[in-house]
Amino acid sequence: MVHIVIDLEMNPVSKNFKDVRRFTTDEVIEIGAVKLDDNYSLVDEFQCYVKPEYGEITKHITKLTGITQKTVADKPFFPEAFKNFMEWINSQDMRLYSWSNSDINQLRDECRFKMPNYDISRLERQWRDLQKAFDDRIGLHSSLALKHAIGAMNRDFEGTQHTALADAANAAAILSLLQDDEEFFRVMQPVIDLLKPKELSQSIGDLFPELSKLKFGD
């Protein structure tokens, strides 16, 4: 079995396309993924930009991701990019992961709209919410942003946040750690201890100042 950790960057569909927004409010503009083997070791990487069809890259998204309209000007539209991604996976025996369910929800909506003959249900069955797995393991009832989960592991975020491949690679590091209970609890014990009811939010903020700015999702 191969393990695929994926991250998507998205751009909002222009409000000029009201009919399209009934089906999807966003479009994928970047796909980043890493492939891990049975031992959860990195074996390959995938990255591509995707040209949106219903509106240009907004200033907000450019500021967040660094992706401009020029970046995607000569890139494939979603159906071709998604096909390339699936060919890169090149395995029926796989499991897919993302940080929260927002990415599979986006793929479902965009595939159904732009690729109506594609059966997305198989991917949905193979998908796992890595954020929920992490939060459940440490007993956290709110959702940590990827950056803060990495910080809780006492690691620096590698690469630039909100670039798809970097986000996928950092999420993959968490997935690998989750496979080894002894190592996971050794690394995470300081945080787990602070998750006891007493002065929870203040304690976490003292140990990891970045975690005092909790954000939900990715």
N, C-alpha and C. Protein backbone atom coordinates (compact mmCIF):
# COMPACT_ATOMS: atom_id res chain seq x y z
N MET A 1 0.84 -1.20 0.00
CA MET A 1 0.00 0.00 0.00
C MET A 1 0.87 1.24 0.00
N VAL A 2 0.45 2.24 -0.77
CA VAL A 2 1.12 3.54 -0.73
C VAL A 2 0.23 4.51 0.05
N HIS A 3 0.89 5.44 0.69
CA HIS A 3 0.21 6.46 1.47
C HIS A 3 0.47 7.81 0.81
N ILE A 4 -0.60 8.50 0.46
CA ILE A 4 -0.51 9.78 -0.24
C ILE A 4 -1.01 10.88 0.67
N VAL A 5 -0.16 11.84 0.96
CA VAL A 5 -0.57 13.02 1.73
C VAL A 5 -0.66 14.18 0.75
N ILE A 6 -1.84 14.78 0.68
CA ILE A 6 -2.10 15.79 -0.33
C ILE A 6 -2.50 17.12 0.31
N ASP A 7 -2.16 18.19 -0.37
CA ASP A 7 -2.62 19.51 0.03
C ASP A 7 -3.00 20.28 -1.23
N LEU A 8 -4.07 21.04 -1.13
CA LEU A 8 -4.55 21.85 -2.24
C LEU A 8 -4.54 23.32 -1.85
N GLU A 9 -4.19 24.16 -2.80
CA GLU A 9 -4.42 25.59 -2.66
C GLU A 9 -5.55 25.95 -3.61
N MET A 10 -6.41 26.86 -3.16
CA MET A 10 -7.62 27.15 -3.92
C MET A 10 -7.83 28.66 -4.10
N ASN A 11 -8.60 28.99 -5.10
CA ASN A 11 -8.96 30.38 -5.42
C ASN A 11 -10.48 30.46 -5.53
N PRO A 12 -11.09 31.51 -4.99
CA PRO A 12 -12.55 31.58 -5.06
C PRO A 12 -13.06 31.79 -6.48
N VAL A 13 -14.16 31.13 -6.80
CA VAL A 13 -14.84 31.37 -8.07
C VAL A 13 -15.39 32.80 -8.04
N SER A 14 -15.18 33.52 -9.12
CA SER A 14 -15.66 34.90 -9.19
C SER A 14 -17.16 34.96 -8.99
N LYS A 15 -17.60 35.99 -8.29
CA LYS A 15 -19.03 36.17 -8.06
C LYS A 15 -19.80 36.44 -9.34
N ASN A 16 -19.07 36.70 -10.42
CA ASN A 16 -19.72 36.87 -11.72
C ASN A 16 -20.30 35.56 -12.23
N PHE A 17 -19.83 34.44 -11.68
CA PHE A 17 -20.26 33.12 -12.14
C PHE A 17 -21.19 32.50 -11.09
N LYS A 18 -22.36 33.09 -10.96
CA LYS A 18 -23.30 32.63 -9.93
C LYS A 18 -23.74 31.19 -10.15
N ASP A 19 -23.93 30.81 -11.40
CA ASP A 19 -24.36 29.43 -11.68
C ASP A 19 -23.30 28.42 -11.27
N VAL A 20 -22.02 28.77 -11.51
CA VAL A 20 -20.93 27.87 -11.13
C VAL A 20 -20.84 27.75 -9.62
N ARG A 21 -21.05 28.85 -8.92
CA ARG A 21 -20.91 28.86 -7.46
C ARG A 21 -21.96 28.00 -6.76
N ARG A 22 -22.99 27.60 -7.50
CA ARG A 22 -23.96 26.66 -6.95
C ARG A 22 -23.33 25.29 -6.77
N PHE A 23 -22.29 25.01 -7.55
CA PHE A 23 -21.64 23.69 -7.52
C PHE A 23 -20.32 23.70 -6.76
N THR A 24 -19.56 24.77 -6.93
CA THR A 24 -18.27 24.89 -6.23
C THR A 24 -17.95 26.37 -6.05
N THR A 25 -17.57 26.74 -4.83
CA THR A 25 -17.25 28.14 -4.57
C THR A 25 -15.77 28.44 -4.77
N ASP A 26 -14.97 27.37 -4.96
CA ASP A 26 -13.52 27.53 -5.13
C ASP A 26 -13.04 26.65 -6.27
N GLU A 27 -11.83 26.96 -6.75
CA GLU A 27 -11.16 26.13 -7.74
C GLU A 27 -9.75 25.83 -7.26
N VAL A 28 -9.30 24.62 -7.49
CA VAL A 28 -7.93 24.24 -7.17
C VAL A 28 -6.96 25.00 -8.07
N ILE A 29 -5.93 25.59 -7.46
CA ILE A 29 -4.89 26.26 -8.26
C ILE A 29 -3.51 25.65 -8.02
N GLU A 30 -3.40 24.76 -7.05
CA GLU A 30 -2.14 24.04 -6.86
C GLU A 30 -2.43 22.71 -6.17
N ILE A 31 -1.78 21.67 -6.65
CA ILE A 31 -1.83 20.35 -6.01
C ILE A 31 -0.41 20.00 -5.57
N GLY A 32 -0.27 19.66 -4.32
CA GLY A 32 1.01 19.19 -3.81
C GLY A 32 0.79 17.89 -3.05
N ALA A 33 1.66 16.93 -3.21
CA ALA A 33 1.48 15.65 -2.54
C ALA A 33 2.81 14.95 -2.35
N VAL A 34 2.87 14.11 -1.34
CA VAL A 34 4.03 13.24 -1.13
C VAL A 34 3.53 11.81 -1.06
N LYS A 35 4.36 10.89 -1.54
CA LYS A 35 4.04 9.47 -1.54
C LYS A 35 4.96 8.76 -0.55
N LEU A 36 4.35 8.00 0.36
CA LEU A 36 5.09 7.24 1.35
C LEU A 36 4.88 5.75 1.11
N ASP A 37 5.88 4.96 1.46
CA ASP A 37 5.76 3.51 1.28
C ASP A 37 5.12 2.87 2.52
N ASP A 38 5.15 1.54 2.59
CA ASP A 38 4.54 0.82 3.71
C ASP A 38 5.15 1.20 5.06
N ASN A 39 6.39 1.65 5.03
CA ASN A 39 7.07 2.06 6.26
C ASN A 39 6.93 3.54 6.53
N TYR A 40 6.09 4.21 5.75
CA TYR A 40 5.84 5.64 5.88
C TYR A 40 7.10 6.47 5.62
N SER A 41 7.92 5.95 4.72
CA SER A 41 9.12 6.68 4.28
C SER A 41 8.82 7.33 2.94
N LEU A 42 9.37 8.51 2.74
CA LEU A 42 9.12 9.27 1.52
C LEU A 42 9.74 8.57 0.31
N VAL A 43 8.93 8.42 -0.75
CA VAL A 43 9.45 7.82 -1.98
C VAL A 43 9.30 8.74 -3.18
N ASP A 44 8.38 9.72 -3.12
CA ASP A 44 8.20 10.59 -4.28
C ASP A 44 7.40 11.82 -3.89
N GLU A 45 7.46 12.83 -4.76
CA GLU A 45 6.73 14.07 -4.56
C GLU A 45 6.01 14.47 -5.84
N PHE A 46 4.92 15.21 -5.69
CA PHE A 46 4.16 15.70 -6.84
C PHE A 46 3.76 17.14 -6.57
N GLN A 47 3.92 17.99 -7.59
CA GLN A 47 3.47 19.37 -7.47
C GLN A 47 3.08 19.89 -8.84
N CYS A 48 1.94 20.55 -8.91
CA CYS A 48 1.58 21.22 -10.16
C CYS A 48 0.65 22.39 -9.85
N TYR A 49 0.74 23.40 -10.70
CA TYR A 49 -0.20 24.52 -10.64
C TYR A 49 -1.35 24.22 -11.58
N VAL A 50 -2.49 24.83 -11.29
CA VAL A 50 -3.71 24.59 -12.05
C VAL A 50 -4.33 25.93 -12.42
N LYS A 51 -4.70 26.08 -13.66
CA LYS A 51 -5.29 27.34 -14.12
C LYS A 51 -6.79 27.35 -13.82
N PRO A 52 -7.27 28.33 -13.07
CA PRO A 52 -8.71 28.40 -12.79
C PRO A 52 -9.48 28.84 -14.03
N GLU A 53 -10.72 28.41 -14.11
CA GLU A 53 -11.55 28.71 -15.27
C GLU A 53 -12.55 29.84 -15.02
N TYR A 54 -12.79 30.12 -13.74
CA TYR A 54 -13.89 31.04 -13.43
C TYR A 54 -13.41 32.18 -12.52
N GLY A 55 -12.52 32.98 -13.07
CA GLY A 55 -12.01 34.13 -12.34
C GLY A 55 -10.50 34.05 -12.17
N GLU A 56 -9.87 35.19 -12.09
CA GLU A 56 -8.42 35.25 -11.93
C GLU A 56 -8.04 35.14 -10.45
N ILE A 57 -6.77 34.85 -10.23
CA ILE A 57 -6.26 34.73 -8.86
C ILE A 57 -6.47 36.05 -8.13
N THR A 58 -7.08 35.99 -6.96
CA THR A 58 -7.35 37.22 -6.21
C THR A 58 -6.08 37.70 -5.49
N LYS A 59 -6.09 38.96 -5.12
CA LYS A 59 -4.94 39.53 -4.40
C LYS A 59 -4.74 38.82 -3.06
N HIS A 60 -5.84 38.49 -2.40
CA HIS A 60 -5.73 37.80 -1.11
C HIS A 60 -5.04 36.45 -1.27
N ILE A 61 -5.41 35.69 -2.29
CA ILE A 61 -4.81 34.38 -2.49
C ILE A 61 -3.34 34.51 -2.89
N THR A 62 -3.02 35.51 -3.70
CA THR A 62 -1.62 35.74 -4.04
C THR A 62 -0.79 36.05 -2.80
N LYS A 63 -1.35 36.89 -1.92
CA LYS A 63 -0.64 37.23 -0.69
C LYS A 63 -0.45 36.00 0.19
N LEU A 64 -1.46 35.13 0.23
CA LEU A 64 -1.41 33.94 1.08
C LEU A 64 -0.48 32.87 0.52
N THR A 65 -0.53 32.64 -0.79
CA THR A 65 0.16 31.49 -1.39
C THR A 65 1.35 31.86 -2.27
N GLY A 66 1.42 33.12 -2.69
CA GLY A 66 2.46 33.52 -3.63
C GLY A 66 2.11 33.21 -5.08
N ILE A 67 0.95 32.61 -5.31
CA ILE A 67 0.54 32.24 -6.67
C ILE A 67 -0.14 33.43 -7.34
N THR A 68 0.33 33.79 -8.52
CA THR A 68 -0.26 34.89 -9.27
C THR A 68 -0.93 34.36 -10.52
N GLN A 69 -1.66 35.24 -11.19
CA GLN A 69 -2.28 34.83 -12.45
C GLN A 69 -1.22 34.44 -13.47
N LYS A 70 -0.09 35.10 -13.43
CA LYS A 70 1.01 34.76 -14.34
C LYS A 70 1.53 33.36 -14.04
N THR A 71 1.56 32.98 -12.77
CA THR A 71 2.04 31.64 -12.38
C THR A 71 1.25 30.55 -13.09
N VAL A 72 -0.05 30.75 -13.21
CA VAL A 72 -0.91 29.68 -13.74
C VAL A 72 -1.31 29.88 -15.19
N ALA A 73 -0.81 30.95 -15.81
CA ALA A 73 -1.27 31.33 -17.15
C ALA A 73 -1.15 30.21 -18.18
N ASP A 74 -0.08 29.43 -18.12
CA ASP A 74 0.13 28.37 -19.11
C ASP A 74 -0.01 26.97 -18.50
N LYS A 75 -0.69 26.89 -17.36
CA LYS A 75 -0.83 25.61 -16.68
C LYS A 75 -2.14 24.92 -17.09
N PRO A 76 -2.24 23.61 -16.87
CA PRO A 76 -3.45 22.88 -17.28
C PRO A 76 -4.65 23.26 -16.43
N PHE A 77 -5.84 23.07 -17.01
CA PHE A 77 -7.06 23.21 -16.23
C PHE A 77 -7.20 21.98 -15.31
N PHE A 78 -8.15 22.04 -14.43
CA PHE A 78 -8.30 21.03 -13.39
C PHE A 78 -8.38 19.59 -13.92
N PRO A 79 -9.22 19.29 -14.92
CA PRO A 79 -9.32 17.88 -15.34
C PRO A 79 -7.99 17.26 -15.73
N GLU A 80 -7.17 18.01 -16.47
CA GLU A 80 -5.87 17.47 -16.88
C GLU A 80 -4.93 17.34 -15.68
N ALA A 81 -4.92 18.36 -14.82
CA ALA A 81 -4.04 18.32 -13.65
C ALA A 81 -4.42 17.17 -12.73
N PHE A 82 -5.71 16.96 -12.53
CA PHE A 82 -6.16 15.87 -11.67
C PHE A 82 -5.80 14.52 -12.27
N LYS A 83 -5.95 14.39 -13.58
CA LYS A 83 -5.55 13.15 -14.26
C LYS A 83 -4.07 12.89 -14.06
N ASN A 84 -3.25 13.92 -14.19
CA ASN A 84 -1.80 13.77 -13.98
C ASN A 84 -1.50 13.32 -12.56
N PHE A 85 -2.23 13.87 -11.61
CA PHE A 85 -2.04 13.49 -10.21
C PHE A 85 -2.37 12.02 -9.99
N MET A 86 -3.49 11.57 -10.54
CA MET A 86 -3.89 10.17 -10.36
C MET A 86 -2.92 9.22 -11.06
N GLU A 87 -2.39 9.64 -12.20
CA GLU A 87 -1.39 8.80 -12.88
C GLU A 87 -0.10 8.73 -12.07
N TRP A 88 0.23 9.81 -11.40
CA TRP A 88 1.42 9.82 -10.54
C TRP A 88 1.25 8.83 -9.38
N ILE A 89 0.06 8.77 -8.79
CA ILE A 89 -0.19 7.82 -7.70
C ILE A 89 0.06 6.39 -8.20
N ASN A 90 -0.52 6.06 -9.34
CA ASN A 90 -0.24 4.80 -10.04
C ASN A 90 -0.42 3.58 -9.15
N SER A 91 -1.49 3.58 -8.37
CA SER A 91 -1.75 2.42 -7.51
C SER A 91 -3.22 2.43 -7.10
N GLN A 92 -3.83 1.26 -7.14
CA GLN A 92 -5.18 1.11 -6.62
C GLN A 92 -5.15 0.86 -5.11
N ASP A 93 -4.02 0.35 -4.63
CA ASP A 93 -3.87 0.02 -3.22
C ASP A 93 -3.25 1.22 -2.51
N MET A 94 -4.08 2.12 -2.08
CA MET A 94 -3.55 3.37 -1.52
C MET A 94 -4.47 3.87 -0.42
N ARG A 95 -3.93 4.78 0.36
CA ARG A 95 -4.71 5.53 1.32
C ARG A 95 -4.29 6.99 1.19
N LEU A 96 -5.26 7.87 1.23
CA LEU A 96 -4.98 9.30 1.06
C LEU A 96 -5.28 10.04 2.36
N TYR A 97 -4.51 11.09 2.59
CA TYR A 97 -4.64 11.87 3.82
C TYR A 97 -4.55 13.35 3.48
N SER A 98 -5.27 14.14 4.25
CA SER A 98 -5.10 15.59 4.17
C SER A 98 -5.33 16.17 5.56
N TRP A 99 -4.87 17.39 5.74
CA TRP A 99 -5.06 18.06 7.03
C TRP A 99 -6.44 18.70 7.03
N SER A 100 -7.42 18.03 7.60
CA SER A 100 -8.85 18.34 7.61
C SER A 100 -9.48 17.75 6.35
N ASN A 101 -10.80 17.84 6.28
CA ASN A 101 -11.53 17.29 5.15
C ASN A 101 -11.79 18.31 4.05
N SER A 102 -11.24 19.49 4.17
CA SER A 102 -11.54 20.53 3.17
C SER A 102 -11.04 20.13 1.78
N ASP A 103 -9.93 19.40 1.71
CA ASP A 103 -9.38 19.05 0.40
C ASP A 103 -10.23 18.00 -0.31
N ILE A 104 -10.67 16.97 0.40
CA ILE A 104 -11.51 15.97 -0.27
C ILE A 104 -12.86 16.57 -0.62
N ASN A 105 -13.36 17.47 0.19
CA ASN A 105 -14.62 18.13 -0.14
C ASN A 105 -14.47 18.96 -1.42
N GLN A 106 -13.31 19.63 -1.56
CA GLN A 106 -13.07 20.41 -2.77
C GLN A 106 -12.96 19.51 -3.99
N LEU A 107 -12.20 18.42 -3.88
CA LEU A 107 -12.08 17.50 -5.00
C LEU A 107 -13.43 16.92 -5.40
N ARG A 108 -14.23 16.58 -4.40
CA ARG A 108 -15.56 16.04 -4.70
C ARG A 108 -16.40 17.04 -5.49
N ASP A 109 -16.45 18.28 -5.01
CA ASP A 109 -17.28 19.28 -5.68
C ASP A 109 -16.75 19.60 -7.08
N GLU A 110 -15.43 19.74 -7.19
CA GLU A 110 -14.87 20.15 -8.48
C GLU A 110 -14.91 19.00 -9.49
N CYS A 111 -14.67 17.78 -9.04
CA CYS A 111 -14.77 16.63 -9.95
C CYS A 111 -16.20 16.46 -10.44
N ARG A 112 -17.15 16.58 -9.55
CA ARG A 112 -18.55 16.40 -9.95
C ARG A 112 -18.98 17.46 -10.96
N PHE A 113 -18.44 18.66 -10.82
CA PHE A 113 -18.82 19.74 -11.73
C PHE A 113 -18.06 19.67 -13.05
N LYS A 114 -16.74 19.45 -12.97
CA LYS A 114 -15.89 19.52 -14.17
C LYS A 114 -15.61 18.16 -14.81
N MET A 115 -15.79 17.10 -14.04
CA MET A 115 -15.52 15.73 -14.53
C MET A 115 -16.67 14.83 -14.11
N PRO A 116 -17.86 15.08 -14.59
CA PRO A 116 -19.06 14.38 -14.08
C PRO A 116 -19.02 12.87 -14.25
N ASN A 117 -18.19 12.36 -15.15
CA ASN A 117 -18.12 10.91 -15.36
C ASN A 117 -17.11 10.23 -14.44
N TYR A 118 -16.37 11.00 -13.68
CA TYR A 118 -15.38 10.42 -12.78
C TYR A 118 -16.03 10.03 -11.47
N ASP A 119 -15.75 8.82 -11.00
CA ASP A 119 -16.31 8.32 -9.75
C ASP A 119 -15.40 8.71 -8.59
N ILE A 120 -15.76 9.79 -7.92
CA ILE A 120 -14.94 10.29 -6.82
C ILE A 120 -15.17 9.48 -5.54
N SER A 121 -16.19 8.64 -5.52
CA SER A 121 -16.53 7.93 -4.28
C SER A 121 -15.39 7.02 -3.81
N ARG A 122 -14.61 6.48 -4.74
CA ARG A 122 -13.49 5.61 -4.34
C ARG A 122 -12.46 6.39 -3.54
N LEU A 123 -12.15 7.60 -3.99
CA LEU A 123 -11.21 8.42 -3.25
C LEU A 123 -11.77 8.79 -1.88
N GLU A 124 -13.05 9.07 -1.82
CA GLU A 124 -13.66 9.42 -0.54
C GLU A 124 -13.53 8.26 0.45
N ARG A 125 -13.68 7.04 -0.03
CA ARG A 125 -13.55 5.87 0.86
C ARG A 125 -12.11 5.68 1.33
N GLN A 126 -11.15 6.09 0.52
CA GLN A 126 -9.74 5.90 0.86
C GLN A 126 -9.15 7.07 1.65
N TRP A 127 -9.95 8.10 1.86
CA TRP A 127 -9.46 9.33 2.47
C TRP A 127 -9.46 9.24 3.98
N ARG A 128 -8.47 9.87 4.63
CA ARG A 128 -8.40 9.97 6.08
C ARG A 128 -8.11 11.42 6.46
N ASP A 129 -8.78 11.86 7.51
CA ASP A 129 -8.58 13.21 8.03
C ASP A 129 -7.44 13.16 9.04
N LEU A 130 -6.26 13.60 8.62
CA LEU A 130 -5.07 13.53 9.46
C LEU A 130 -5.16 14.50 10.64
N GLN A 131 -5.78 15.62 10.42
CA GLN A 131 -5.96 16.59 11.51
C GLN A 131 -6.76 15.98 12.66
N LYS A 132 -7.86 15.31 12.33
CA LYS A 132 -8.70 14.70 13.36
C LYS A 132 -7.94 13.58 14.08
N ALA A 133 -7.18 12.78 13.32
CA ALA A 133 -6.40 11.70 13.93
C ALA A 133 -5.40 12.25 14.94
N PHE A 134 -4.75 13.36 14.58
CA PHE A 134 -3.78 13.98 15.48
C PHE A 134 -4.47 14.54 16.71
N ASP A 135 -5.56 15.30 16.51
CA ASP A 135 -6.28 15.90 17.64
C ASP A 135 -6.82 14.83 18.58
N ASP A 136 -7.37 13.75 18.00
CA ASP A 136 -7.91 12.67 18.84
C ASP A 136 -6.82 11.99 19.64
N ARG A 137 -5.65 11.82 19.04
CA ARG A 137 -4.57 11.10 19.73
C ARG A 137 -4.09 11.86 20.96
N ILE A 138 -4.06 13.19 20.86
CA ILE A 138 -3.58 13.95 22.02
C ILE A 138 -4.73 14.43 22.91
N GLY A 139 -5.96 14.11 22.54
CA GLY A 139 -7.10 14.46 23.38
C GLY A 139 -7.51 15.91 23.26
N LEU A 140 -7.30 16.50 22.09
CA LEU A 140 -7.66 17.90 21.87
C LEU A 140 -9.02 17.97 21.21
N HIS A 141 -9.90 18.81 21.74
CA HIS A 141 -11.27 18.88 21.23
C HIS A 141 -11.47 20.02 20.23
N SER A 142 -10.45 20.81 20.00
CA SER A 142 -10.49 21.81 18.93
C SER A 142 -9.45 21.41 17.90
N SER A 143 -9.50 22.03 16.74
CA SER A 143 -8.65 21.61 15.63
C SER A 143 -7.43 22.51 15.49
N LEU A 144 -6.26 21.92 15.61
CA LEU A 144 -5.03 22.68 15.46
C LEU A 144 -4.71 22.90 13.99
N ALA A 145 -4.27 24.11 13.67
CA ALA A 145 -3.73 24.36 12.34
C ALA A 145 -2.46 23.53 12.16
N LEU A 146 -2.13 23.23 10.92
CA LEU A 146 -0.96 22.41 10.64
C LEU A 146 0.30 23.02 11.25
N LYS A 147 0.46 24.30 11.11
CA LYS A 147 1.63 24.99 11.67
C LYS A 147 1.75 24.74 13.17
N HIS A 148 0.63 24.79 13.88
CA HIS A 148 0.67 24.63 15.32
C HIS A 148 0.88 23.18 15.72
N ALA A 149 0.38 22.27 14.93
CA ALA A 149 0.64 20.86 15.20
C ALA A 149 2.13 20.56 15.06
N ILE A 150 2.76 21.12 14.03
CA ILE A 150 4.21 20.96 13.86
C ILE A 150 4.94 21.59 15.04
N GLY A 151 4.49 22.76 15.49
CA GLY A 151 5.10 23.40 16.64
C GLY A 151 4.96 22.58 17.90
N ALA A 152 3.80 21.93 18.05
CA ALA A 152 3.59 21.08 19.22
C ALA A 152 4.54 19.90 19.24
N MET A 153 5.01 19.49 18.05
CA MET A 153 5.99 18.41 17.96
C MET A 153 7.40 18.92 18.20
N ASN A 154 7.53 20.21 18.52
CA ASN A 154 8.83 20.84 18.74
C ASN A 154 9.68 20.80 17.48
N ARG A 155 9.02 21.01 16.34
CA ARG A 155 9.70 21.06 15.05
C ARG A 155 9.44 22.40 14.40
N ASP A 156 10.35 22.81 13.55
CA ASP A 156 10.12 23.98 12.72
C ASP A 156 9.36 23.56 11.47
N PHE A 157 8.46 24.41 11.02
CA PHE A 157 7.74 24.15 9.78
C PHE A 157 8.74 24.23 8.63
N GLU A 158 8.83 23.17 7.84
CA GLU A 158 9.80 23.14 6.74
C GLU A 158 9.17 23.69 5.47
N GLY A 159 9.85 24.65 4.84
CA GLY A 159 9.32 25.27 3.65
C GLY A 159 8.41 26.44 3.98
N THR A 160 7.61 26.84 3.01
CA THR A 160 6.73 28.00 3.14
C THR A 160 5.30 27.54 3.32
N GLN A 161 4.65 28.06 4.36
CA GLN A 161 3.26 27.72 4.58
C GLN A 161 2.40 28.13 3.39
N HIS A 162 1.34 27.38 3.19
CA HIS A 162 0.37 27.63 2.10
C HIS A 162 1.01 27.49 0.72
N THR A 163 2.08 26.72 0.66
CA THR A 163 2.51 26.16 -0.62
C THR A 163 2.19 24.67 -0.52
N ALA A 164 1.54 24.14 -1.54
CA ALA A 164 0.92 22.83 -1.41
C ALA A 164 1.91 21.72 -1.06
N LEU A 165 3.05 21.70 -1.71
CA LEU A 165 4.00 20.62 -1.46
C LEU A 165 4.58 20.71 -0.05
N ALA A 166 4.90 21.91 0.41
CA ALA A 166 5.43 22.07 1.77
C ALA A 166 4.39 21.65 2.81
N ASP A 167 3.16 22.06 2.61
CA ASP A 167 2.11 21.68 3.56
C ASP A 167 1.93 20.16 3.58
N ALA A 168 1.96 19.54 2.40
CA ALA A 168 1.82 18.08 2.33
C ALA A 168 2.99 17.38 3.03
N ALA A 169 4.20 17.87 2.81
CA ALA A 169 5.38 17.25 3.41
C ALA A 169 5.36 17.36 4.93
N ASN A 170 4.94 18.51 5.45
CA ASN A 170 4.86 18.67 6.90
C ASN A 170 3.77 17.79 7.49
N ALA A 171 2.64 17.68 6.80
CA ALA A 171 1.58 16.80 7.26
C ALA A 171 2.05 15.35 7.25
N ALA A 172 2.87 14.99 6.27
CA ALA A 172 3.40 13.62 6.18
C ALA A 172 4.30 13.31 7.38
N ALA A 173 5.01 14.31 7.88
CA ALA A 173 5.85 14.10 9.06
C ALA A 173 4.99 13.74 10.27
N ILE A 174 3.82 14.35 10.35
CA ILE A 174 2.90 14.02 11.44
C ILE A 174 2.34 12.62 11.25
N LEU A 175 1.98 12.28 10.02
CA LEU A 175 1.49 10.93 9.74
C LEU A 175 2.51 9.88 10.15
N SER A 176 3.76 10.10 9.81
CA SER A 176 4.81 9.14 10.17
C SER A 176 4.93 8.99 11.69
N LEU A 177 4.87 10.12 12.39
CA LEU A 177 4.98 10.07 13.84
C LEU A 177 3.81 9.31 14.47
N LEU A 178 2.63 9.43 13.89
CA LEU A 178 1.45 8.77 14.42
C LEU A 178 1.55 7.24 14.36
N GLN A 179 2.46 6.72 13.56
CA GLN A 179 2.57 5.27 13.41
C GLN A 179 3.34 4.61 14.55
N ASP A 180 4.05 5.40 15.33
CA ASP A 180 4.89 4.86 16.40
C ASP A 180 4.38 5.42 17.73
N ASP A 181 3.56 4.63 18.44
CA ASP A 181 2.94 5.13 19.67
C ASP A 181 3.98 5.58 20.69
N GLU A 182 5.03 4.77 20.86
CA GLU A 182 6.03 5.11 21.87
C GLU A 182 6.70 6.45 21.55
N GLU A 183 7.10 6.62 20.30
CA GLU A 183 7.75 7.87 19.91
C GLU A 183 6.77 9.03 19.94
N PHE A 184 5.54 8.79 19.50
CA PHE A 184 4.54 9.86 19.51
C PHE A 184 4.33 10.40 20.92
N PHE A 185 4.13 9.50 21.88
CA PHE A 185 3.86 9.97 23.23
C PHE A 185 5.11 10.54 23.90
N ARG A 186 6.28 10.08 23.48
CA ARG A 186 7.51 10.69 23.99
C ARG A 186 7.61 12.14 23.53
N VAL A 187 7.35 12.37 22.26
CA VAL A 187 7.44 13.72 21.68
C VAL A 187 6.34 14.62 22.20
N MET A 188 5.12 14.06 22.30
CA MET A 188 3.96 14.89 22.58
C MET A 188 3.60 14.96 24.06
N GLN A 189 4.31 14.23 24.93
CA GLN A 189 3.91 14.18 26.33
C GLN A 189 3.80 15.56 26.99
N PRO A 190 4.72 16.50 26.73
CA PRO A 190 4.56 17.81 27.36
C PRO A 190 3.23 18.48 27.01
N VAL A 191 2.79 18.31 25.76
CA VAL A 191 1.51 18.89 25.36
C VAL A 191 0.35 18.10 25.96
N ILE A 192 0.45 16.77 25.94
CA ILE A 192 -0.62 15.94 26.49
C ILE A 192 -0.83 16.25 27.97
N ASP A 193 0.26 16.44 28.72
CA ASP A 193 0.16 16.77 30.14
C ASP A 193 -0.61 18.07 30.34
N LEU A 194 -0.38 19.00 29.44
CA LEU A 194 -1.04 20.30 29.57
C LEU A 194 -2.49 20.28 29.12
N LEU A 195 -2.91 19.19 28.52
CA LEU A 195 -4.30 19.09 28.08
C LEU A 195 -5.22 18.65 29.21
N LYS A 196 -4.67 18.44 30.37
CA LYS A 196 -5.50 18.15 31.53
C LYS A 196 -6.32 19.41 31.84
N PRO A 197 -7.50 19.27 32.41
CA PRO A 197 -8.45 20.37 32.52
C PRO A 197 -7.93 21.66 33.13
N LYS A 198 -6.98 21.58 34.03
CA LYS A 198 -6.59 22.79 34.74
C LYS A 198 -5.94 23.81 33.82
N GLU A 199 -6.49 25.00 33.77
CA GLU A 199 -5.93 26.15 33.08
C GLU A 199 -5.38 25.76 31.71
N LEU A 200 -6.19 25.04 30.93
CA LEU A 200 -5.73 24.47 29.67
C LEU A 200 -5.20 25.51 28.71
N SER A 201 -6.00 26.50 28.38
CA SER A 201 -5.58 27.44 27.34
C SER A 201 -4.36 28.24 27.76
N GLN A 202 -4.30 28.63 29.06
CA GLN A 202 -3.16 29.39 29.54
C GLN A 202 -1.90 28.54 29.51
N SER A 203 -2.02 27.27 29.91
CA SER A 203 -0.85 26.39 29.95
C SER A 203 -0.28 26.17 28.57
N ILE A 204 -1.13 25.89 27.59
CA ILE A 204 -0.64 25.67 26.23
C ILE A 204 0.02 26.93 25.71
N GLY A 205 -0.59 28.07 26.00
CA GLY A 205 0.00 29.33 25.54
C GLY A 205 1.36 29.58 26.13
N ASP A 206 1.55 29.17 27.39
CA ASP A 206 2.85 29.36 28.03
C ASP A 206 3.92 28.48 27.40
N LEU A 207 3.56 27.23 27.09
CA LEU A 207 4.55 26.30 26.55
C LEU A 207 4.84 26.56 25.08
N PHE A 208 3.80 26.82 24.31
CA PHE A 208 3.94 27.06 22.88
C PHE A 208 3.23 28.37 22.53
N PRO A 209 3.92 29.51 22.61
CA PRO A 209 3.27 30.79 22.34
C PRO A 209 2.51 30.81 21.02
N GLU A 210 3.03 30.11 20.02
CA GLU A 210 2.34 30.09 18.72
C GLU A 210 0.95 29.47 18.84
N LEU A 211 0.78 28.55 19.79
CA LEU A 211 -0.49 27.86 19.92
C LEU A 211 -1.56 28.74 20.56
N SER A 212 -1.16 29.88 21.10
CA SER A 212 -2.15 30.79 21.65
C SER A 212 -2.92 31.50 20.55
N LYS A 213 -2.42 31.36 19.32
CA LYS A 213 -3.09 31.97 18.16
C LYS A 213 -3.73 30.86 17.33
N LEU A 214 -4.42 29.97 18.00
CA LEU A 214 -5.00 28.81 17.32
C LEU A 214 -5.84 29.22 16.14
N LYS A 215 -5.63 28.52 15.03
CA LYS A 215 -6.44 28.72 13.85
C LYS A 215 -7.06 27.39 13.50
N PHE A 216 -8.19 27.43 12.92
CA PHE A 216 -8.88 26.20 12.57
C PHE A 216 -8.61 25.88 11.11
N GLY A 217 -8.54 24.58 10.78
CA GLY A 217 -8.28 24.16 9.39
C GLY A 217 -6.80 24.20 9.12
N ASP A 218 -6.42 24.54 7.86
CA ASP A 218 -5.01 24.48 7.50
C ASP A 218 -4.47 25.86 7.27
